[in-house]
Amino acid sequence: PEDAPEAPEFIEIEFLNGDAVAIN
């Protein structure tokens, strides 16, 4: 984690009936 990128990354996860079905 100390060597991880200095800038954050934002992602979006879509769910259907409790299960993840799509990313971004």
mmCIF file of all heavy atoms, coordinates in Angstrom:
data_MODEL
# 
_entry.id   MODEL 
# 
loop_
_atom_site.group_PDB 
_atom_site.id 
_atom_site.type_symbol 
_atom_site.label_atom_id 
_atom_site.label_alt_id 
_atom_site.label_comp_id 
_atom_site.label_asym_id 
_atom_site.label_entity_id 
_atom_site.label_seq_id 
_atom_site.pdbx_PDB_ins_code 
_atom_site.Cartn_x 
_atom_site.Cartn_y 
_atom_site.Cartn_z 
_atom_site.occupancy 
_atom_site.B_iso_or_equiv 
_atom_site.pdbx_formal_charge 
_atom_site.auth_seq_id 
_atom_site.auth_comp_id 
_atom_site.auth_asym_id 
_atom_site.auth_atom_id 
_atom_site.pdbx_PDB_model_num 
ATOM 1   N N   . PRO A 1 1  ? 0.801   -1.225  0.000   1.00 0.00 ? 1  PRO A N   1 
ATOM 2   C CA  . PRO A 1 1  ? 0.000   0.000   0.000   1.00 0.00 ? 1  PRO A CA  1 
ATOM 3   C C   . PRO A 1 1  ? 0.834   1.276   0.000   1.00 0.00 ? 1  PRO A C   1 
ATOM 4   O O   . PRO A 1 1  ? 0.428   2.290   -0.583  1.00 0.00 ? 1  PRO A O   1 
ATOM 5   C CB  . PRO A 1 1  ? -0.831  -0.126  1.282   1.00 0.00 ? 1  PRO A CB  1 
ATOM 6   C CG  . PRO A 1 1  ? -0.954  -1.596  1.507   1.00 0.00 ? 1  PRO A CG  1 
ATOM 7   C CD  . PRO A 1 1  ? 0.354   -2.171  1.042   1.00 0.00 ? 1  PRO A CD  1 
ATOM 8   N N   . GLU A 1 2  ? 2.012   1.236   0.642   1.00 0.00 ? 2  GLU A N   1 
ATOM 9   C CA  . GLU A 1 2  ? 2.873   2.414   0.671   1.00 0.00 ? 2  GLU A CA  1 
ATOM 10  C C   . GLU A 1 2  ? 3.395   2.774   -0.715  1.00 0.00 ? 2  GLU A C   1 
ATOM 11  O O   . GLU A 1 2  ? 3.712   3.935   -0.987  1.00 0.00 ? 2  GLU A O   1 
ATOM 12  C CB  . GLU A 1 2  ? 4.045   2.188   1.625   1.00 0.00 ? 2  GLU A CB  1 
ATOM 13  C CG  . GLU A 1 2  ? 3.627   1.980   3.081   1.00 0.00 ? 2  GLU A CG  1 
ATOM 14  C CD  . GLU A 1 2  ? 4.759   1.517   3.963   1.00 0.00 ? 2  GLU A CD  1 
ATOM 15  O OE1 . GLU A 1 2  ? 5.902   1.454   3.462   1.00 0.00 ? 2  GLU A OE1 1 
ATOM 16  O OE2 . GLU A 1 2  ? 4.515   1.199   5.152   1.00 0.00 ? 2  GLU A OE2 1 
ATOM 17  N N   . ASP A 1 3  ? 3.482   1.769   -1.592  1.00 0.00 ? 3  ASP A N   1 
ATOM 18  C CA  . ASP A 1 3  ? 3.988   1.991   -2.948  1.00 0.00 ? 3  ASP A CA  1 
ATOM 19  C C   . ASP A 1 3  ? 2.867   2.111   -3.981  1.00 0.00 ? 3  ASP A C   1 
ATOM 20  O O   . ASP A 1 3  ? 3.139   2.244   -5.176  1.00 0.00 ? 3  ASP A O   1 
ATOM 21  C CB  . ASP A 1 3  ? 4.925   0.844   -3.353  1.00 0.00 ? 3  ASP A CB  1 
ATOM 22  C CG  . ASP A 1 3  ? 6.109   0.706   -2.412  1.00 0.00 ? 3  ASP A CG  1 
ATOM 23  O OD1 . ASP A 1 3  ? 6.600   1.737   -1.936  1.00 0.00 ? 3  ASP A OD1 1 
ATOM 24  O OD2 . ASP A 1 3  ? 6.529   -0.451  -2.150  1.00 0.00 ? 3  ASP A OD2 1 
ATOM 25  N N   . ALA A 1 4  ? 1.635   2.050   -3.527  1.00 0.00 ? 4  ALA A N   1 
ATOM 26  C CA  . ALA A 1 4  ? 0.494   2.140   -4.433  1.00 0.00 ? 4  ALA A CA  1 
ATOM 27  C C   . ALA A 1 4  ? 0.385   3.557   -5.000  1.00 0.00 ? 4  ALA A C   1 
ATOM 28  O O   . ALA A 1 4  ? 0.988   4.500   -4.477  1.00 0.00 ? 4  ALA A O   1 
ATOM 29  C CB  . ALA A 1 4  ? -0.782  1.765   -3.687  1.00 0.00 ? 4  ALA A CB  1 
ATOM 30  N N   . PRO A 1 5  ? -0.374  3.729   -6.092  1.00 0.00 ? 5  PRO A N   1 
ATOM 31  C CA  . PRO A 1 5  ? -0.494  5.050   -6.718  1.00 0.00 ? 5  PRO A CA  1 
ATOM 32  C C   . PRO A 1 5  ? -0.895  6.152   -5.741  1.00 0.00 ? 5  PRO A C   1 
ATOM 33  O O   . PRO A 1 5  ? -1.692  5.918   -4.821  1.00 0.00 ? 5  PRO A O   1 
ATOM 34  C CB  . PRO A 1 5  ? -1.579  4.832   -7.783  1.00 0.00 ? 5  PRO A CB  1 
ATOM 35  C CG  . PRO A 1 5  ? -1.499  3.375   -8.100  1.00 0.00 ? 5  PRO A CG  1 
ATOM 36  C CD  . PRO A 1 5  ? -1.132  2.690   -6.826  1.00 0.00 ? 5  PRO A CD  1 
ATOM 37  N N   . GLU A 1 6  ? -0.353  7.336   -5.961  1.00 0.00 ? 6  GLU A N   1 
ATOM 38  C CA  . GLU A 1 6  ? -0.662  8.478   -5.106  1.00 0.00 ? 6  GLU A CA  1 
ATOM 39  C C   . GLU A 1 6  ? -2.051  9.030   -5.379  1.00 0.00 ? 6  GLU A C   1 
ATOM 40  O O   . GLU A 1 6  ? -2.632  9.703   -4.531  1.00 0.00 ? 6  GLU A O   1 
ATOM 41  C CB  . GLU A 1 6  ? 0.382   9.580   -5.307  1.00 0.00 ? 6  GLU A CB  1 
ATOM 42  C CG  . GLU A 1 6  ? 1.792   9.203   -4.851  1.00 0.00 ? 6  GLU A CG  1 
ATOM 43  C CD  . GLU A 1 6  ? 1.855   8.898   -3.359  1.00 0.00 ? 6  GLU A CD  1 
ATOM 44  O OE1 . GLU A 1 6  ? 1.100   9.540   -2.580  1.00 0.00 ? 6  GLU A OE1 1 
ATOM 45  O OE2 . GLU A 1 6  ? 2.641   8.015   -2.959  1.00 0.00 ? 6  GLU A OE2 1 
ATOM 46  N N   . ALA A 1 7  ? -2.577  8.759   -6.554  1.00 0.00 ? 7  ALA A N   1 
ATOM 47  C CA  . ALA A 1 7  ? -3.911  9.240   -6.907  1.00 0.00 ? 7  ALA A CA  1 
ATOM 48  C C   . ALA A 1 7  ? -4.934  8.119   -6.735  1.00 0.00 ? 7  ALA A C   1 
ATOM 49  O O   . ALA A 1 7  ? -4.675  6.968   -7.111  1.00 0.00 ? 7  ALA A O   1 
ATOM 50  C CB  . ALA A 1 7  ? -3.930  9.740   -8.343  1.00 0.00 ? 7  ALA A CB  1 
ATOM 51  N N   . PRO A 1 8  ? -6.097  8.404   -6.172  1.00 0.00 ? 8  PRO A N   1 
ATOM 52  C CA  . PRO A 1 8  ? -7.124  7.378   -6.019  1.00 0.00 ? 8  PRO A CA  1 
ATOM 53  C C   . PRO A 1 8  ? -7.738  6.998   -7.357  1.00 0.00 ? 8  PRO A C   1 
ATOM 54  O O   . PRO A 1 8  ? -7.662  7.743   -8.330  1.00 0.00 ? 8  PRO A O   1 
ATOM 55  C CB  . PRO A 1 8  ? -8.164  8.041   -5.115  1.00 0.00 ? 8  PRO A CB  1 
ATOM 56  C CG  . PRO A 1 8  ? -8.015  9.506   -5.384  1.00 0.00 ? 8  PRO A CG  1 
ATOM 57  C CD  . PRO A 1 8  ? -6.542  9.712   -5.642  1.00 0.00 ? 8  PRO A CD  1 
ATOM 58  N N   . GLU A 1 9  ? -8.335  5.826   -7.407  1.00 0.00 ? 9  GLU A N   1 
ATOM 59  C CA  . GLU A 1 9  ? -9.073  5.362   -8.577  1.00 0.00 ? 9  GLU A CA  1 
ATOM 60  C C   . GLU A 1 9  ? -10.525 5.160   -8.179  1.00 0.00 ? 9  GLU A C   1 
ATOM 61  O O   . GLU A 1 9  ? -10.817 4.620   -7.115  1.00 0.00 ? 9  GLU A O   1 
ATOM 62  C CB  . GLU A 1 9  ? -8.488  4.055   -9.098  1.00 0.00 ? 9  GLU A CB  1 
ATOM 63  C CG  . GLU A 1 9  ? -9.219  3.501   -10.323 1.00 0.00 ? 9  GLU A CG  1 
ATOM 64  C CD  . GLU A 1 9  ? -8.647  2.188   -10.833 1.00 0.00 ? 9  GLU A CD  1 
ATOM 65  O OE1 . GLU A 1 9  ? -7.600  1.752   -10.305 1.00 0.00 ? 9  GLU A OE1 1 
ATOM 66  O OE2 . GLU A 1 9  ? -9.236  1.589   -11.749 1.00 0.00 ? 9  GLU A OE2 1 
ATOM 67  N N   . PHE A 1 10 ? -11.448 5.583   -9.039  1.00 0.00 ? 10 PHE A N   1 
ATOM 68  C CA  . PHE A 1 10 ? -12.867 5.419   -8.788  1.00 0.00 ? 10 PHE A CA  1 
ATOM 69  C C   . PHE A 1 10 ? -13.444 4.417   -9.779  1.00 0.00 ? 10 PHE A C   1 
ATOM 70  O O   . PHE A 1 10 ? -13.198 4.498   -10.981 1.00 0.00 ? 10 PHE A O   1 
ATOM 71  C CB  . PHE A 1 10 ? -13.600 6.760   -8.914  1.00 0.00 ? 10 PHE A CB  1 
ATOM 72  C CG  . PHE A 1 10 ? -13.194 7.762   -7.874  1.00 0.00 ? 10 PHE A CG  1 
ATOM 73  C CD1 . PHE A 1 10 ? -12.106 8.602   -8.094  1.00 0.00 ? 10 PHE A CD1 1 
ATOM 74  C CD2 . PHE A 1 10 ? -13.867 7.851   -6.665  1.00 0.00 ? 10 PHE A CD2 1 
ATOM 75  C CE1 . PHE A 1 10 ? -11.707 9.522   -7.130  1.00 0.00 ? 10 PHE A CE1 1 
ATOM 76  C CE2 . PHE A 1 10 ? -13.472 8.762   -5.695  1.00 0.00 ? 10 PHE A CE2 1 
ATOM 77  C CZ  . PHE A 1 10 ? -12.393 9.596   -5.930  1.00 0.00 ? 10 PHE A CZ  1 
ATOM 78  N N   . ILE A 1 11 ? -14.185 3.452   -9.257  1.00 0.00 ? 11 ILE A N   1 
ATOM 79  C CA  . ILE A 1 11 ? -14.833 2.472   -10.117 1.00 0.00 ? 11 ILE A CA  1 
ATOM 80  C C   . ILE A 1 11 ? -16.299 2.344   -9.723  1.00 0.00 ? 11 ILE A C   1 
ATOM 81  O O   . ILE A 1 11 ? -16.689 2.662   -8.595  1.00 0.00 ? 11 ILE A O   1 
ATOM 82  C CB  . ILE A 1 11 ? -14.157 1.078   -10.057 1.00 0.00 ? 11 ILE A CB  1 
ATOM 83  C CG1 . ILE A 1 11 ? -14.284 0.467   -8.655  1.00 0.00 ? 11 ILE A CG1 1 
ATOM 84  C CG2 . ILE A 1 11 ? -12.701 1.161   -10.481 1.00 0.00 ? 11 ILE A CG2 1 
ATOM 85  C CD1 . ILE A 1 11 ? -13.852 -0.996  -8.606  1.00 0.00 ? 11 ILE A CD1 1 
ATOM 86  N N   . GLU A 1 12 ? -17.105 1.876   -10.681 1.00 0.00 ? 12 GLU A N   1 
ATOM 87  C CA  . GLU A 1 12 ? -18.524 1.652   -10.425 1.00 0.00 ? 12 GLU A CA  1 
ATOM 88  C C   . GLU A 1 12 ? -18.862 0.187   -10.675 1.00 0.00 ? 12 GLU A C   1 
ATOM 89  O O   . GLU A 1 12 ? -18.502 -0.373  -11.715 1.00 0.00 ? 12 GLU A O   1 
ATOM 90  C CB  . GLU A 1 12 ? -19.387 2.565   -11.307 1.00 0.00 ? 12 GLU A CB  1 
ATOM 91  C CG  . GLU A 1 12 ? -19.243 4.046   -10.956 1.00 0.00 ? 12 GLU A CG  1 
ATOM 92  C CD  . GLU A 1 12 ? -20.074 4.954   -11.835 1.00 0.00 ? 12 GLU A CD  1 
ATOM 93  O OE1 . GLU A 1 12 ? -20.782 4.432   -12.742 1.00 0.00 ? 12 GLU A OE1 1 
ATOM 94  O OE2 . GLU A 1 12 ? -20.020 6.189   -11.650 1.00 0.00 ? 12 GLU A OE2 1 
ATOM 95  N N   . ILE A 1 13 ? -19.544 -0.430  -9.724  1.00 0.00 ? 13 ILE A N   1 
ATOM 96  C CA  . ILE A 1 13 ? -19.949 -1.830  -9.829  1.00 0.00 ? 13 ILE A CA  1 
ATOM 97  C C   . ILE A 1 13 ? -21.475 -1.887  -9.832  1.00 0.00 ? 13 ILE A C   1 
ATOM 98  O O   . ILE A 1 13 ? -22.129 -1.342  -8.941  1.00 0.00 ? 13 ILE A O   1 
ATOM 99  C CB  . ILE A 1 13 ? -19.391 -2.675  -8.668  1.00 0.00 ? 13 ILE A CB  1 
ATOM 100 C CG1 . ILE A 1 13 ? -17.863 -2.607  -8.645  1.00 0.00 ? 13 ILE A CG1 1 
ATOM 101 C CG2 . ILE A 1 13 ? -19.860 -4.123  -8.797  1.00 0.00 ? 13 ILE A CG2 1 
ATOM 102 C CD1 . ILE A 1 13 ? -17.237 -3.365  -7.483  1.00 0.00 ? 13 ILE A CD1 1 
ATOM 103 N N   . GLU A 1 14 ? -22.017 -2.563  -10.839 1.00 0.00 ? 14 GLU A N   1 
ATOM 104 C CA  . GLU A 1 14 ? -23.467 -2.734  -10.945 1.00 0.00 ? 14 GLU A CA  1 
ATOM 105 C C   . GLU A 1 14 ? -23.876 -4.092  -10.406 1.00 0.00 ? 14 GLU A C   1 
ATOM 106 O O   . GLU A 1 14 ? -23.234 -5.109  -10.702 1.00 0.00 ? 14 GLU A O   1 
ATOM 107 C CB  . GLU A 1 14 ? -23.917 -2.594  -12.403 1.00 0.00 ? 14 GLU A CB  1 
ATOM 108 C CG  . GLU A 1 14 ? -25.430 -2.683  -12.602 1.00 0.00 ? 14 GLU A CG  1 
ATOM 109 C CD  . GLU A 1 14 ? -25.854 -2.580  -14.046 1.00 0.00 ? 14 GLU A CD  1 
ATOM 110 O OE1 . GLU A 1 14 ? -25.038 -2.087  -14.865 1.00 0.00 ? 14 GLU A OE1 1 
ATOM 111 O OE2 . GLU A 1 14 ? -26.972 -3.037  -14.374 1.00 0.00 ? 14 GLU A OE2 1 
ATOM 112 N N   . PHE A 1 15 ? -24.967 -4.111  -9.626  1.00 0.00 ? 15 PHE A N   1 
ATOM 113 C CA  . PHE A 1 15 ? -25.469 -5.341  -9.025  1.00 0.00 ? 15 PHE A CA  1 
ATOM 114 C C   . PHE A 1 15 ? -26.857 -5.676  -9.563  1.00 0.00 ? 15 PHE A C   1 
ATOM 115 O O   . PHE A 1 15 ? -27.654 -4.792  -9.866  1.00 0.00 ? 15 PHE A O   1 
ATOM 116 C CB  . PHE A 1 15 ? -25.563 -5.208  -7.500  1.00 0.00 ? 15 PHE A CB  1 
ATOM 117 C CG  . PHE A 1 15 ? -24.234 -5.261  -6.798  1.00 0.00 ? 15 PHE A CG  1 
ATOM 118 C CD1 . PHE A 1 15 ? -23.468 -4.113  -6.639  1.00 0.00 ? 15 PHE A CD1 1 
ATOM 119 C CD2 . PHE A 1 15 ? -23.743 -6.455  -6.315  1.00 0.00 ? 15 PHE A CD2 1 
ATOM 120 C CE1 . PHE A 1 15 ? -22.242 -4.159  -5.997  1.00 0.00 ? 15 PHE A CE1 1 
ATOM 121 C CE2 . PHE A 1 15 ? -22.518 -6.515  -5.671  1.00 0.00 ? 15 PHE A CE2 1 
ATOM 122 C CZ  . PHE A 1 15 ? -21.770 -5.362  -5.517  1.00 0.00 ? 15 PHE A CZ  1 
ATOM 123 N N   . LEU A 1 16 ? -27.144 -6.979  -9.659  1.00 0.00 ? 16 LEU A N   1 
ATOM 124 C CA  . LEU A 1 16 ? -28.457 -7.481  -10.004 1.00 0.00 ? 16 LEU A CA  1 
ATOM 125 C C   . LEU A 1 16 ? -28.789 -8.615  -9.050  1.00 0.00 ? 16 LEU A C   1 
ATOM 126 O O   . LEU A 1 16 ? -28.090 -9.634  -9.020  1.00 0.00 ? 16 LEU A O   1 
ATOM 127 C CB  . LEU A 1 16 ? -28.498 -7.957  -11.455 1.00 0.00 ? 16 LEU A CB  1 
ATOM 128 C CG  . LEU A 1 16 ? -29.830 -8.540  -11.943 1.00 0.00 ? 16 LEU A CG  1 
ATOM 129 C CD1 . LEU A 1 16 ? -30.931 -7.482  -11.913 1.00 0.00 ? 16 LEU A CD1 1 
ATOM 130 C CD2 . LEU A 1 16 ? -29.694 -9.139  -13.325 1.00 0.00 ? 16 LEU A CD2 1 
ATOM 131 N N   . ASN A 1 17 ? -29.813 -8.433  -8.244  1.00 0.00 ? 17 ASN A N   1 
ATOM 132 C CA  . ASN A 1 17 ? -30.236 -9.439  -7.254  1.00 0.00 ? 17 ASN A CA  1 
ATOM 133 C C   . ASN A 1 17 ? -29.075 -9.881  -6.357  1.00 0.00 ? 17 ASN A C   1 
ATOM 134 O O   . ASN A 1 17 ? -28.923 -11.060 -6.039  1.00 0.00 ? 17 ASN A O   1 
ATOM 135 C CB  . ASN A 1 17 ? -30.853 -10.648 -7.932  1.00 0.00 ? 17 ASN A CB  1 
ATOM 136 C CG  . ASN A 1 17 ? -32.009 -10.287 -8.840  1.00 0.00 ? 17 ASN A CG  1 
ATOM 137 O OD1 . ASN A 1 17 ? -32.078 -10.704 -9.976  1.00 0.00 ? 17 ASN A OD1 1 
ATOM 138 N ND2 . ASN A 1 17 ? -32.933 -9.458  -8.350  1.00 0.00 ? 17 ASN A ND2 1 
ATOM 139 N N   . GLY A 1 18 ? -28.245 -8.922  -5.969  1.00 0.00 ? 18 GLY A N   1 
ATOM 140 C CA  . GLY A 1 18 ? -27.165 -9.192  -5.023  1.00 0.00 ? 18 GLY A CA  1 
ATOM 141 C C   . GLY A 1 18 ? -25.846 -9.608  -5.625  1.00 0.00 ? 18 GLY A C   1 
ATOM 142 O O   . GLY A 1 18 ? -24.852 -9.726  -4.909  1.00 0.00 ? 18 GLY A O   1 
ATOM 143 N N   . ASP A 1 19 ? -25.795 -9.856  -6.944  1.00 0.00 ? 19 ASP A N   1 
ATOM 144 C CA  . ASP A 1 19 ? -24.556 -10.280 -7.603  1.00 0.00 ? 19 ASP A CA  1 
ATOM 145 C C   . ASP A 1 19 ? -24.018 -9.172  -8.499  1.00 0.00 ? 19 ASP A C   1 
ATOM 146 O O   . ASP A 1 19 ? -24.781 -8.487  -9.190  1.00 0.00 ? 19 ASP A O   1 
ATOM 147 C CB  . ASP A 1 19 ? -24.784 -11.534 -8.452  1.00 0.00 ? 19 ASP A CB  1 
ATOM 148 C CG  . ASP A 1 19 ? -25.124 -12.755 -7.621  1.00 0.00 ? 19 ASP A CG  1 
ATOM 149 O OD1 . ASP A 1 19 ? -24.836 -12.759 -6.410  1.00 0.00 ? 19 ASP A OD1 1 
ATOM 150 O OD2 . ASP A 1 19 ? -25.674 -13.721 -8.193  1.00 0.00 ? 19 ASP A OD2 1 
ATOM 151 N N   . ALA A 1 20 ? -22.701 -9.017  -8.511  1.00 0.00 ? 20 ALA A N   1 
ATOM 152 C CA  . ALA A 1 20 ? -22.053 -8.039  -9.383  1.00 0.00 ? 20 ALA A CA  1 
ATOM 153 C C   . ALA A 1 20 ? -22.126 -8.516  -10.832 1.00 0.00 ? 20 ALA A C   1 
ATOM 154 O O   . ALA A 1 20 ? -21.750 -9.657  -11.141 1.00 0.00 ? 20 ALA A O   1 
ATOM 155 C CB  . ALA A 1 20 ? -20.608 -7.830  -8.966  1.00 0.00 ? 20 ALA A CB  1 
ATOM 156 N N   . VAL A 1 21 ? -22.583 -7.642  -11.736 1.00 0.00 ? 21 VAL A N   1 
ATOM 157 C CA  . VAL A 1 21 ? -22.764 -8.039  -13.133 1.00 0.00 ? 21 VAL A CA  1 
ATOM 158 C C   . VAL A 1 21 ? -22.036 -7.126  -14.114 1.00 0.00 ? 21 VAL A C   1 
ATOM 159 O O   . VAL A 1 21 ? -21.920 -7.445  -15.296 1.00 0.00 ? 21 VAL A O   1 
ATOM 160 C CB  . VAL A 1 21 ? -24.262 -8.090  -13.510 1.00 0.00 ? 21 VAL A CB  1 
ATOM 161 C CG1 . VAL A 1 21 ? -24.980 -9.176  -12.726 1.00 0.00 ? 21 VAL A CG1 1 
ATOM 162 C CG2 . VAL A 1 21 ? -24.939 -6.733  -13.282 1.00 0.00 ? 21 VAL A CG2 1 
ATOM 163 N N   . ALA A 1 22 ? -21.532 -5.975  -13.642 1.00 0.00 ? 22 ALA A N   1 
ATOM 164 C CA  . ALA A 1 22 ? -20.848 -5.058  -14.547 1.00 0.00 ? 22 ALA A CA  1 
ATOM 165 C C   . ALA A 1 22 ? -19.895 -4.171  -13.762 1.00 0.00 ? 22 ALA A C   1 
ATOM 166 O O   . ALA A 1 22 ? -20.108 -3.880  -12.585 1.00 0.00 ? 22 ALA A O   1 
ATOM 167 C CB  . ALA A 1 22 ? -21.853 -4.190  -15.305 1.00 0.00 ? 22 ALA A CB  1 
ATOM 168 N N   . ILE A 1 23 ? -18.819 -3.750  -14.418 1.00 0.00 ? 23 ILE A N   1 
ATOM 169 C CA  . ILE A 1 23 ? -17.856 -2.809  -13.852 1.00 0.00 ? 23 ILE A CA  1 
ATOM 170 C C   . ILE A 1 23 ? -17.675 -1.669  -14.840 1.00 0.00 ? 23 ILE A C   1 
ATOM 171 O O   . ILE A 1 23 ? -17.390 -1.900  -16.022 1.00 0.00 ? 23 ILE A O   1 
ATOM 172 C CB  . ILE A 1 23 ? -16.501 -3.484  -13.567 1.00 0.00 ? 23 ILE A CB  1 
ATOM 173 C CG1 . ILE A 1 23 ? -16.669 -4.617  -12.541 1.00 0.00 ? 23 ILE A CG1 1 
ATOM 174 C CG2 . ILE A 1 23 ? -15.486 -2.461  -13.036 1.00 0.00 ? 23 ILE A CG2 1 
ATOM 175 C CD1 . ILE A 1 23 ? -15.408 -5.420  -12.300 1.00 0.00 ? 23 ILE A CD1 1 
ATOM 176 N N   . ASN A 1 24 ? -17.877 -0.462  -14.335 1.00 0.00 ? 24 ASN A N   1 
ATOM 177 C CA  . ASN A 1 24 ? -17.756 0.749   -15.169 1.00 0.00 ? 24 ASN A CA  1 
ATOM 178 C C   . ASN A 1 24 ? -18.602 0.667   -16.430 1.00 0.00 ? 24 ASN A C   1 
ATOM 179 O O   . ASN A 1 24 ? -18.184 1.110   -17.511 1.00 0.00 ? 24 ASN A O   1 
ATOM 180 C CB  . ASN A 1 24 ? -16.292 1.016   -15.517 1.00 0.00 ? 24 ASN A CB  1 
ATOM 181 C CG  . ASN A 1 24 ? -15.474 1.388   -14.296 1.00 0.00 ? 24 ASN A CG  1 
ATOM 182 O OD1 . ASN A 1 24 ? -15.999 1.876   -13.300 1.00 0.00 ? 24 ASN A OD1 1 
ATOM 183 N ND2 . ASN A 1 24 ? -14.173 1.130   -14.345 1.00 0.00 ? 24 ASN A ND2 1 
# 
